[in-house]
């Protein structure tokens, strides 16, 4: 289940907020959470551009 939750982008956002708001609690390092958020943004952007390109130009 822990591996499956890493697929959810809200997990990365939640961990980043936790690291900033409560630094005394154990959470993922901020560097990893920001990297995860950036990877999700880039990945979903690429998928969205490909789908848009397919929808517009393949008709």
N, C-alpha and C. Protein backbone atom coordinates (compact mmCIF):
# COMPACT_ATOMS: atom_id res chain seq x y z
N UNK A 1 0.82 -1.19 0.00
CA UNK A 1 0.00 0.00 0.00
C UNK A 1 0.86 1.26 0.00
N UNK A 2 2.02 1.22 0.63
CA UNK A 2 2.89 2.40 0.67
C UNK A 2 3.38 2.78 -0.72
N UNK A 3 3.66 1.79 -1.54
CA UNK A 3 4.13 2.08 -2.90
C UNK A 3 3.00 2.66 -3.73
N UNK A 4 1.79 2.15 -3.53
CA UNK A 4 0.64 2.66 -4.29
C UNK A 4 0.36 4.12 -3.94
N UNK A 5 0.53 4.49 -2.69
CA UNK A 5 0.26 5.88 -2.32
C UNK A 5 1.29 6.85 -2.92
N UNK A 6 2.46 6.35 -3.30
CA UNK A 6 3.45 7.23 -3.93
C UNK A 6 3.02 7.64 -5.34
N UNK A 7 2.06 6.95 -5.92
CA UNK A 7 1.54 7.31 -7.24
C UNK A 7 0.63 8.53 -7.13
N UNK A 8 0.01 8.71 -6.00
CA UNK A 8 -0.93 9.81 -5.80
C UNK A 8 -0.17 11.13 -5.63
N UNK A 9 -0.43 12.13 -6.49
CA UNK A 9 0.30 13.39 -6.36
C UNK A 9 -0.04 14.16 -5.09
N UNK A 10 -1.21 13.92 -4.53
CA UNK A 10 -1.57 14.61 -3.28
C UNK A 10 -0.68 14.16 -2.12
N UNK A 11 -0.14 12.97 -2.21
CA UNK A 11 0.79 12.50 -1.18
C UNK A 11 2.01 13.41 -1.13
N UNK A 12 2.53 13.76 -2.29
CA UNK A 12 3.72 14.61 -2.35
C UNK A 12 3.41 16.01 -1.82
N UNK A 13 2.26 16.54 -2.18
CA UNK A 13 1.88 17.87 -1.70
C UNK A 13 1.67 17.84 -0.19
N UNK A 14 1.02 16.80 0.30
CA UNK A 14 0.77 16.66 1.73
C UNK A 14 2.07 16.57 2.51
N UNK A 15 3.02 15.80 2.00
CA UNK A 15 4.30 15.65 2.69
C UNK A 15 5.10 16.96 2.68
N UNK A 16 5.00 17.72 1.59
CA UNK A 16 5.70 19.01 1.54
C UNK A 16 5.11 19.97 2.57
N UNK A 17 3.79 20.00 2.66
CA UNK A 17 3.14 20.88 3.64
C UNK A 17 3.50 20.44 5.06
N UNK A 18 3.52 19.14 5.29
CA UNK A 18 3.88 18.63 6.62
C UNK A 18 5.31 19.00 6.98
N UNK A 19 6.22 18.89 6.01
CA UNK A 19 7.62 19.23 6.28
C UNK A 19 7.79 20.71 6.60
N UNK A 20 6.99 21.56 5.95
CA UNK A 20 7.10 23.00 6.20
C UNK A 20 6.40 23.44 7.49
N UNK A 21 5.24 22.86 7.76
CA UNK A 21 4.43 23.30 8.90
C UNK A 21 4.90 22.70 10.23
N UNK A 22 5.32 21.45 10.20
CA UNK A 22 5.74 20.79 11.43
C UNK A 22 7.09 20.12 11.22
N UNK A 23 8.17 20.89 11.26
CA UNK A 23 9.49 20.30 11.00
C UNK A 23 9.95 19.31 12.08
N UNK A 24 9.31 19.32 13.24
CA UNK A 24 9.72 18.41 14.31
C UNK A 24 9.21 16.99 14.10
N UNK A 25 8.20 16.80 13.23
CA UNK A 25 7.68 15.46 12.97
C UNK A 25 8.45 14.83 11.81
N UNK A 26 8.44 13.50 11.80
CA UNK A 26 9.16 12.76 10.77
C UNK A 26 8.35 12.75 9.49
N UNK A 27 8.94 13.22 8.40
CA UNK A 27 8.29 13.20 7.10
C UNK A 27 9.37 13.09 6.03
N UNK A 28 8.93 13.00 4.79
CA UNK A 28 9.90 12.95 3.69
C UNK A 28 10.65 14.28 3.63
N UNK A 29 11.92 14.22 3.25
CA UNK A 29 12.65 15.49 3.10
C UNK A 29 12.01 16.38 2.03
N UNK A 30 12.09 17.67 2.24
CA UNK A 30 11.45 18.63 1.36
C UNK A 30 11.98 18.51 -0.08
N UNK A 31 13.25 18.21 -0.23
CA UNK A 31 13.82 18.05 -1.57
C UNK A 31 13.10 16.95 -2.35
N UNK A 32 12.82 15.82 -1.71
CA UNK A 32 12.15 14.71 -2.39
C UNK A 32 10.71 15.04 -2.72
N UNK A 33 10.04 15.75 -1.82
CA UNK A 33 8.64 16.09 -2.09
C UNK A 33 8.54 17.09 -3.23
N UNK A 34 9.42 18.07 -3.26
CA UNK A 34 9.40 19.03 -4.36
C UNK A 34 9.76 18.36 -5.68
N UNK A 35 10.70 17.42 -5.64
CA UNK A 35 11.04 16.67 -6.84
C UNK A 35 9.84 15.86 -7.33
N UNK A 36 9.12 15.23 -6.42
CA UNK A 36 7.94 14.47 -6.79
C UNK A 36 6.86 15.34 -7.40
N UNK A 37 6.65 16.52 -6.84
CA UNK A 37 5.66 17.45 -7.38
C UNK A 37 6.06 17.91 -8.77
N UNK A 38 7.32 18.24 -8.97
CA UNK A 38 7.79 18.69 -10.28
C UNK A 38 7.68 17.58 -11.32
N UNK A 39 8.02 16.36 -10.93
CA UNK A 39 7.90 15.22 -11.85
C UNK A 39 6.44 15.03 -12.27
N UNK A 40 5.51 15.13 -11.32
CA UNK A 40 4.10 15.01 -11.65
C UNK A 40 3.64 16.11 -12.59
N UNK A 41 4.04 17.34 -12.35
CA UNK A 41 3.64 18.45 -13.22
C UNK A 41 4.16 18.25 -14.63
N UNK A 42 5.43 17.89 -14.76
CA UNK A 42 6.01 17.68 -16.08
C UNK A 42 5.37 16.48 -16.77
N UNK A 43 5.20 15.39 -16.04
CA UNK A 43 4.59 14.19 -16.62
C UNK A 43 3.18 14.42 -17.10
N UNK A 44 2.36 15.04 -16.28
CA UNK A 44 0.98 15.31 -16.69
C UNK A 44 0.91 16.35 -17.79
N UNK A 45 1.84 17.29 -17.82
CA UNK A 45 1.89 18.27 -18.90
C UNK A 45 2.21 17.62 -20.23
N UNK A 46 3.13 16.69 -20.23
CA UNK A 46 3.48 15.96 -21.46
C UNK A 46 2.28 15.15 -21.94
N UNK A 47 1.63 14.45 -21.04
CA UNK A 47 0.46 13.66 -21.42
C UNK A 47 -0.65 14.57 -21.95
N UNK A 48 -0.87 15.70 -21.30
CA UNK A 48 -1.92 16.63 -21.74
C UNK A 48 -1.60 17.20 -23.11
N UNK A 49 -0.34 17.55 -23.36
CA UNK A 49 0.03 18.09 -24.67
C UNK A 49 -0.16 17.05 -25.77
N UNK A 50 0.20 15.81 -25.50
CA UNK A 50 0.03 14.75 -26.49
C UNK A 50 -1.45 14.51 -26.78
N UNK A 51 -2.28 14.48 -25.75
CA UNK A 51 -3.72 14.28 -25.96
C UNK A 51 -4.33 15.45 -26.71
N UNK A 52 -3.94 16.67 -26.35
CA UNK A 52 -4.47 17.84 -27.04
C UNK A 52 -4.06 17.82 -28.50
N UNK A 53 -2.79 17.52 -28.76
CA UNK A 53 -2.29 17.46 -30.12
C UNK A 53 -3.06 16.40 -30.92
N UNK A 54 -3.30 15.27 -30.30
CA UNK A 54 -4.05 14.20 -30.96
C UNK A 54 -5.49 14.62 -31.24
N UNK A 55 -6.13 15.27 -30.30
CA UNK A 55 -7.52 15.69 -30.47
C UNK A 55 -7.66 16.78 -31.53
N UNK A 56 -6.70 17.68 -31.63
CA UNK A 56 -6.82 18.81 -32.55
C UNK A 56 -6.40 18.43 -33.97
N UNK A 57 -5.28 17.75 -34.11
CA UNK A 57 -4.69 17.56 -35.43
C UNK A 57 -5.01 16.23 -36.10
N UNK A 58 -5.61 15.27 -35.38
CA UNK A 58 -5.90 13.98 -35.99
C UNK A 58 -7.34 13.87 -36.50
N UNK A 59 -8.05 14.97 -36.58
CA UNK A 59 -9.44 14.92 -37.09
C UNK A 59 -9.46 15.10 -38.56
